[in-house]
Amino acid sequence: QVQLVESGGGLVQAGGSLRLSCAASGRTFSRYAMGWFRRAPGKERELVAAISGSGASTNYAGSVKGRFTISRDNAKNSMYLQMNSLKPEDTAVYYCAAATRQAVVATNPRVYDYWGQGTQVTVSS
């Protein structure tokens, strides 16, 4: 079992920044891939960014590339999403997720088997 808890969401003006955190517990954190997803009202859930177990490999959605940075600190069992130059279209509930059956970057949502409860990010124009 893996428990994931997100924090750091909130309300920010367009152009601003937020940093999301995800604290994990339950298994050896460095052995599995992690990712950030989001779901906006009326839209499908989408992968925002993913990171390998070691943190050496990452993958980003085209809409956030160059603005968001995913990272992890395996010593602290934590993953982060630094979000800069935020846009109103980034407004969504953001979820962290774990793909515990693999250590390489996971881009297929189906391989993620544990999810956090989500944190709301609202970007005002």
N, C-alpha and C. Protein backbone atom coordinates (compact mmCIF):
# COMPACT_ATOMS: atom_id res chain seq x y z
N GLN A 1 0.83 -1.19 0.00
CA GLN A 1 0.00 0.00 0.00
C GLN A 1 0.87 1.25 0.00
N VAL A 2 0.42 2.24 -0.73
CA VAL A 2 1.09 3.53 -0.77
C VAL A 2 0.06 4.60 -0.46
N GLN A 3 0.43 5.52 0.42
CA GLN A 3 -0.42 6.65 0.72
C GLN A 3 0.21 7.91 0.15
N LEU A 4 -0.60 8.72 -0.51
CA LEU A 4 -0.12 9.95 -1.15
C LEU A 4 -0.95 11.13 -0.66
N VAL A 5 -0.26 12.18 -0.28
CA VAL A 5 -0.96 13.37 0.21
C VAL A 5 -0.39 14.59 -0.49
N GLU A 6 -1.25 15.30 -1.23
CA GLU A 6 -0.82 16.51 -1.93
C GLU A 6 -1.02 17.74 -1.05
N SER A 7 -0.25 18.76 -1.34
CA SER A 7 -0.42 20.05 -0.67
C SER A 7 0.13 21.13 -1.60
N GLY A 8 -0.23 22.38 -1.30
CA GLY A 8 0.35 23.49 -2.03
C GLY A 8 -0.57 24.16 -3.03
N GLY A 9 -1.76 23.64 -3.21
CA GLY A 9 -2.67 24.29 -4.14
C GLY A 9 -3.19 25.61 -3.59
N GLY A 10 -3.91 26.33 -4.43
CA GLY A 10 -4.46 27.60 -3.98
C GLY A 10 -4.89 28.46 -5.14
N LEU A 11 -5.13 29.74 -4.84
CA LEU A 11 -5.56 30.72 -5.82
C LEU A 11 -4.39 31.64 -6.15
N VAL A 12 -4.14 31.83 -7.43
CA VAL A 12 -3.04 32.67 -7.88
C VAL A 12 -3.46 33.42 -9.12
N GLN A 13 -2.89 34.57 -9.32
CA GLN A 13 -3.18 35.34 -10.53
C GLN A 13 -2.39 34.80 -11.72
N ALA A 14 -2.90 35.03 -12.88
CA ALA A 14 -2.20 34.62 -14.10
C ALA A 14 -0.80 35.22 -14.11
N GLY A 15 0.16 34.39 -14.50
CA GLY A 15 1.55 34.79 -14.49
C GLY A 15 2.28 34.44 -13.21
N GLY A 16 1.53 34.05 -12.20
CA GLY A 16 2.13 33.71 -10.92
C GLY A 16 2.65 32.29 -10.87
N SER A 17 3.09 31.90 -9.67
CA SER A 17 3.70 30.58 -9.47
C SER A 17 3.10 29.89 -8.27
N LEU A 18 3.12 28.58 -8.32
CA LEU A 18 2.75 27.73 -7.18
C LEU A 18 3.66 26.52 -7.19
N ARG A 19 3.86 25.95 -6.01
CA ARG A 19 4.62 24.71 -5.91
C ARG A 19 3.77 23.67 -5.19
N LEU A 20 3.50 22.59 -5.88
CA LEU A 20 2.76 21.49 -5.29
C LEU A 20 3.73 20.47 -4.71
N SER A 21 3.32 19.86 -3.62
CA SER A 21 4.10 18.80 -3.00
C SER A 21 3.25 17.55 -2.86
N CYS A 22 3.91 16.42 -2.90
CA CYS A 22 3.23 15.14 -2.69
C CYS A 22 4.10 14.32 -1.75
N ALA A 23 3.56 13.99 -0.59
CA ALA A 23 4.26 13.17 0.38
C ALA A 23 3.79 11.73 0.25
N ALA A 24 4.74 10.80 0.15
CA ALA A 24 4.40 9.40 -0.03
C ALA A 24 4.85 8.58 1.17
N SER A 25 4.11 7.53 1.43
CA SER A 25 4.50 6.59 2.49
C SER A 25 4.02 5.20 2.12
N GLY A 26 4.70 4.19 2.67
CA GLY A 26 4.22 2.83 2.50
C GLY A 26 5.14 1.88 1.77
N ARG A 27 5.94 2.38 0.84
CA ARG A 27 6.86 1.53 0.10
C ARG A 27 8.14 2.30 -0.16
N THR A 28 9.15 1.59 -0.64
CA THR A 28 10.42 2.24 -0.94
C THR A 28 10.22 3.22 -2.09
N PHE A 29 10.24 4.49 -1.76
CA PHE A 29 9.83 5.55 -2.67
C PHE A 29 10.65 5.56 -3.96
N SER A 30 11.94 5.35 -3.86
CA SER A 30 12.82 5.48 -5.03
C SER A 30 12.63 4.37 -6.04
N ARG A 31 11.87 3.35 -5.73
CA ARG A 31 11.72 2.21 -6.61
C ARG A 31 10.59 2.35 -7.61
N TYR A 32 9.78 3.41 -7.51
CA TYR A 32 8.67 3.51 -8.44
C TYR A 32 8.52 4.90 -9.04
N ALA A 33 7.93 4.90 -10.23
CA ALA A 33 7.68 6.15 -10.95
C ALA A 33 6.52 6.90 -10.33
N MET A 34 6.52 8.20 -10.57
CA MET A 34 5.47 9.07 -10.04
C MET A 34 5.01 10.02 -11.14
N GLY A 35 3.84 10.60 -10.92
CA GLY A 35 3.35 11.56 -11.90
C GLY A 35 2.37 12.54 -11.28
N TRP A 36 2.18 13.64 -11.98
CA TRP A 36 1.15 14.63 -11.64
C TRP A 36 0.10 14.63 -12.74
N PHE A 37 -1.13 14.55 -12.34
CA PHE A 37 -2.26 14.62 -13.27
C PHE A 37 -3.13 15.81 -12.87
N ARG A 38 -4.00 16.20 -13.79
CA ARG A 38 -4.98 17.23 -13.44
C ARG A 38 -6.29 16.95 -14.18
N ARG A 39 -7.35 17.45 -13.55
CA ARG A 39 -8.67 17.35 -14.16
C ARG A 39 -9.35 18.71 -14.02
N ALA A 40 -9.62 19.30 -15.16
CA ALA A 40 -10.33 20.58 -15.19
C ALA A 40 -11.83 20.32 -15.33
N PRO A 41 -12.65 21.25 -14.91
CA PRO A 41 -14.10 21.05 -15.03
C PRO A 41 -14.52 20.76 -16.46
N GLY A 42 -15.26 19.67 -16.64
CA GLY A 42 -15.76 19.31 -17.95
C GLY A 42 -14.74 18.69 -18.88
N LYS A 43 -13.55 18.41 -18.36
CA LYS A 43 -12.50 17.83 -19.20
C LYS A 43 -12.03 16.50 -18.64
N GLU A 44 -11.35 15.75 -19.50
CA GLU A 44 -10.79 14.48 -19.07
C GLU A 44 -9.53 14.72 -18.22
N ARG A 45 -9.25 13.75 -17.39
CA ARG A 45 -8.00 13.80 -16.64
C ARG A 45 -6.83 13.71 -17.61
N GLU A 46 -5.78 14.48 -17.36
CA GLU A 46 -4.62 14.45 -18.23
C GLU A 46 -3.34 14.38 -17.42
N LEU A 47 -2.36 13.74 -18.00
CA LEU A 47 -1.03 13.69 -17.39
C LEU A 47 -0.35 15.03 -17.60
N VAL A 48 0.15 15.60 -16.54
CA VAL A 48 0.86 16.87 -16.61
C VAL A 48 2.36 16.64 -16.71
N ALA A 49 2.87 15.78 -15.84
CA ALA A 49 4.31 15.50 -15.82
C ALA A 49 4.54 14.18 -15.12
N ALA A 50 5.61 13.51 -15.51
CA ALA A 50 5.96 12.23 -14.92
C ALA A 50 7.46 12.19 -14.66
N ILE A 51 7.84 11.35 -13.70
CA ILE A 51 9.24 11.27 -13.32
C ILE A 51 9.58 9.83 -12.96
N SER A 52 10.78 9.42 -13.29
CA SER A 52 11.22 8.06 -12.98
C SER A 52 11.54 7.93 -11.49
N GLY A 53 11.74 6.70 -11.07
CA GLY A 53 12.03 6.45 -9.67
C GLY A 53 13.30 7.15 -9.18
N SER A 54 14.30 7.18 -10.03
CA SER A 54 15.56 7.84 -9.66
C SER A 54 15.48 9.35 -9.77
N GLY A 55 14.51 9.82 -10.56
CA GLY A 55 14.40 11.25 -10.82
C GLY A 55 15.19 11.71 -12.03
N ALA A 56 15.89 10.79 -12.67
CA ALA A 56 16.77 11.17 -13.79
C ALA A 56 16.00 11.44 -15.07
N SER A 57 14.82 10.85 -15.21
CA SER A 57 14.03 11.01 -16.43
C SER A 57 12.70 11.65 -16.12
N THR A 58 12.29 12.56 -17.01
CA THR A 58 11.00 13.24 -16.84
C THR A 58 10.28 13.33 -18.17
N ASN A 59 8.99 13.60 -18.08
CA ASN A 59 8.17 13.76 -19.28
C ASN A 59 7.10 14.80 -18.97
N TYR A 60 6.80 15.67 -19.95
CA TYR A 60 5.83 16.75 -19.73
C TYR A 60 4.79 16.79 -20.83
N ALA A 61 3.60 17.21 -20.46
CA ALA A 61 2.59 17.52 -21.45
C ALA A 61 3.04 18.77 -22.21
N GLY A 62 2.70 18.82 -23.47
CA GLY A 62 3.13 19.94 -24.29
C GLY A 62 2.65 21.28 -23.77
N SER A 63 1.46 21.27 -23.14
CA SER A 63 0.87 22.52 -22.68
C SER A 63 1.60 23.14 -21.49
N VAL A 64 2.44 22.35 -20.81
CA VAL A 64 3.13 22.87 -19.62
C VAL A 64 4.64 22.89 -19.78
N LYS A 65 5.12 22.34 -20.87
CA LYS A 65 6.57 22.25 -21.07
C LYS A 65 7.17 23.66 -21.08
N GLY A 66 8.25 23.80 -20.33
CA GLY A 66 8.89 25.10 -20.22
C GLY A 66 8.36 25.97 -19.10
N ARG A 67 7.21 25.60 -18.56
CA ARG A 67 6.61 26.38 -17.46
C ARG A 67 6.59 25.58 -16.15
N PHE A 68 6.40 24.27 -16.24
CA PHE A 68 6.32 23.42 -15.05
C PHE A 68 7.59 22.58 -14.95
N THR A 69 7.96 22.26 -13.72
CA THR A 69 9.10 21.38 -13.47
C THR A 69 8.73 20.37 -12.42
N ILE A 70 8.87 19.10 -12.77
CA ILE A 70 8.63 18.02 -11.82
C ILE A 70 9.96 17.59 -11.21
N SER A 71 9.94 17.27 -9.94
CA SER A 71 11.16 16.81 -9.27
C SER A 71 10.76 15.91 -8.10
N ARG A 72 11.72 15.23 -7.56
CA ARG A 72 11.48 14.39 -6.40
C ARG A 72 12.70 14.38 -5.51
N ASP A 73 12.46 14.18 -4.21
CA ASP A 73 13.52 14.04 -3.22
C ASP A 73 13.30 12.69 -2.56
N ASN A 74 14.03 11.69 -3.00
CA ASN A 74 13.81 10.34 -2.50
C ASN A 74 14.17 10.20 -1.01
N ALA A 75 15.05 11.04 -0.54
CA ALA A 75 15.40 10.99 0.89
C ALA A 75 14.24 11.48 1.75
N LYS A 76 13.36 12.30 1.16
CA LYS A 76 12.22 12.84 1.90
C LYS A 76 10.90 12.19 1.49
N ASN A 77 10.97 11.19 0.60
CA ASN A 77 9.76 10.53 0.11
C ASN A 77 8.75 11.55 -0.43
N SER A 78 9.24 12.48 -1.20
CA SER A 78 8.40 13.57 -1.68
C SER A 78 8.63 13.87 -3.16
N MET A 79 7.56 14.33 -3.79
CA MET A 79 7.62 14.76 -5.19
C MET A 79 7.06 16.17 -5.25
N TYR A 80 7.50 16.93 -6.25
CA TYR A 80 7.10 18.33 -6.34
C TYR A 80 6.71 18.69 -7.77
N LEU A 81 5.92 19.72 -7.90
CA LEU A 81 5.62 20.30 -9.20
C LEU A 81 5.71 21.82 -9.05
N GLN A 82 6.77 22.38 -9.61
CA GLN A 82 6.91 23.82 -9.62
C GLN A 82 6.20 24.36 -10.86
N MET A 83 5.24 25.22 -10.64
CA MET A 83 4.42 25.74 -11.73
C MET A 83 4.64 27.24 -11.85
N ASN A 84 5.20 27.65 -12.95
CA ASN A 84 5.48 29.07 -13.21
C ASN A 84 4.65 29.55 -14.39
N SER A 85 4.55 30.86 -14.52
CA SER A 85 3.80 31.46 -15.64
C SER A 85 2.43 30.83 -15.79
N LEU A 86 1.74 30.72 -14.69
CA LEU A 86 0.44 30.05 -14.69
C LEU A 86 -0.59 30.80 -15.53
N LYS A 87 -1.45 30.02 -16.14
CA LYS A 87 -2.50 30.55 -17.02
C LYS A 87 -3.86 30.11 -16.49
N PRO A 88 -4.90 30.84 -16.81
CA PRO A 88 -6.24 30.43 -16.36
C PRO A 88 -6.58 29.00 -16.78
N GLU A 89 -6.08 28.56 -17.92
CA GLU A 89 -6.37 27.21 -18.38
C GLU A 89 -5.65 26.14 -17.57
N ASP A 90 -4.78 26.53 -16.67
CA ASP A 90 -4.15 25.58 -15.76
C ASP A 90 -5.05 25.27 -14.56
N THR A 91 -6.15 25.98 -14.45
CA THR A 91 -7.08 25.74 -13.34
C THR A 91 -7.61 24.32 -13.39
N ALA A 92 -7.45 23.60 -12.30
CA ALA A 92 -7.86 22.19 -12.24
C ALA A 92 -7.59 21.65 -10.84
N VAL A 93 -8.09 20.46 -10.60
CA VAL A 93 -7.67 19.70 -9.43
C VAL A 93 -6.45 18.88 -9.85
N TYR A 94 -5.38 19.01 -9.10
CA TYR A 94 -4.13 18.31 -9.41
C TYR A 94 -3.97 17.13 -8.47
N TYR A 95 -3.59 16.00 -9.07
CA TYR A 95 -3.42 14.76 -8.32
C TYR A 95 -2.01 14.22 -8.49
N CYS A 96 -1.43 13.74 -7.43
CA CYS A 96 -0.20 12.97 -7.59
C CYS A 96 -0.56 11.50 -7.62
N ALA A 97 0.25 10.74 -8.32
CA ALA A 97 -0.02 9.32 -8.50
C ALA A 97 1.27 8.54 -8.54
N ALA A 98 1.18 7.28 -8.15
CA ALA A 98 2.33 6.39 -8.12
C ALA A 98 2.10 5.19 -9.02
N ALA A 99 3.13 4.86 -9.80
CA ALA A 99 3.10 3.65 -10.64
C ALA A 99 4.09 2.67 -10.02
N THR A 100 3.62 1.89 -9.06
CA THR A 100 4.53 1.12 -8.21
C THR A 100 5.11 -0.12 -8.88
N ARG A 101 4.62 -0.45 -10.08
CA ARG A 101 5.16 -1.64 -10.74
C ARG A 101 6.29 -1.32 -11.70
N GLN A 102 6.69 -0.07 -11.76
CA GLN A 102 7.80 0.27 -12.63
C GLN A 102 8.57 1.46 -12.08
N ALA A 103 9.85 1.50 -12.46
CA ALA A 103 10.71 2.60 -12.03
C ALA A 103 10.95 3.62 -13.14
N VAL A 104 10.73 3.18 -14.40
CA VAL A 104 10.95 4.11 -15.51
C VAL A 104 9.75 5.05 -15.61
N VAL A 105 9.93 6.13 -16.34
CA VAL A 105 8.87 7.13 -16.49
C VAL A 105 7.60 6.47 -17.03
N ALA A 106 6.48 6.80 -16.43
CA ALA A 106 5.20 6.20 -16.82
C ALA A 106 4.29 7.27 -17.42
N THR A 107 3.95 7.12 -18.70
CA THR A 107 3.08 8.09 -19.36
C THR A 107 1.67 7.56 -19.59
N ASN A 108 1.47 6.28 -19.39
CA ASN A 108 0.15 5.68 -19.55
C ASN A 108 -0.59 5.76 -18.21
N PRO A 109 -1.72 6.46 -18.14
CA PRO A 109 -2.42 6.59 -16.86
C PRO A 109 -2.82 5.25 -16.25
N ARG A 110 -2.97 4.23 -17.09
CA ARG A 110 -3.43 2.93 -16.60
C ARG A 110 -2.41 2.24 -15.70
N VAL A 111 -1.16 2.63 -15.77
CA VAL A 111 -0.15 1.95 -14.95
C VAL A 111 -0.04 2.57 -13.56
N TYR A 112 -0.74 3.67 -13.34
CA TYR A 112 -0.70 4.29 -12.02
C TYR A 112 -1.72 3.59 -11.12
N ASP A 113 -1.26 3.10 -9.98
CA ASP A 113 -2.13 2.31 -9.13
C ASP A 113 -2.46 2.94 -7.79
N TYR A 114 -1.83 4.07 -7.47
CA TYR A 114 -2.19 4.78 -6.24
C TYR A 114 -2.32 6.27 -6.55
N TRP A 115 -3.31 6.89 -5.92
CA TRP A 115 -3.62 8.28 -6.19
C TRP A 115 -3.83 9.05 -4.89
N GLY A 116 -3.46 10.32 -4.94
CA GLY A 116 -3.76 11.21 -3.83
C GLY A 116 -5.18 11.73 -3.92
N GLN A 117 -5.54 12.56 -2.96
CA GLN A 117 -6.91 13.04 -2.89
C GLN A 117 -7.13 14.28 -3.76
N GLY A 118 -6.06 14.89 -4.22
CA GLY A 118 -6.16 16.05 -5.09
C GLY A 118 -6.05 17.37 -4.35
N THR A 119 -5.55 18.38 -5.05
CA THR A 119 -5.48 19.72 -4.50
C THR A 119 -5.89 20.71 -5.60
N GLN A 120 -6.71 21.67 -5.22
CA GLN A 120 -7.26 22.60 -6.20
C GLN A 120 -6.26 23.70 -6.51
N VAL A 121 -6.09 23.95 -7.80
CA VAL A 121 -5.30 25.09 -8.28
C VAL A 121 -6.23 25.96 -9.12
N THR A 122 -6.34 27.22 -8.74
CA THR A 122 -7.19 28.15 -9.46
C THR A 122 -6.35 29.34 -9.90
N VAL A 123 -6.37 29.62 -11.19
CA VAL A 123 -5.61 30.72 -11.74
C VAL A 123 -6.59 31.76 -12.28
N SER A 124 -6.55 32.93 -11.70
CA SER A 124 -7.47 34.00 -12.11
C SER A 124 -6.82 34.86 -13.19
N SER A 125 -7.68 35.38 -14.06
CA SER A 125 -7.16 36.19 -15.17
C SER A 125 -7.11 37.66 -14.81
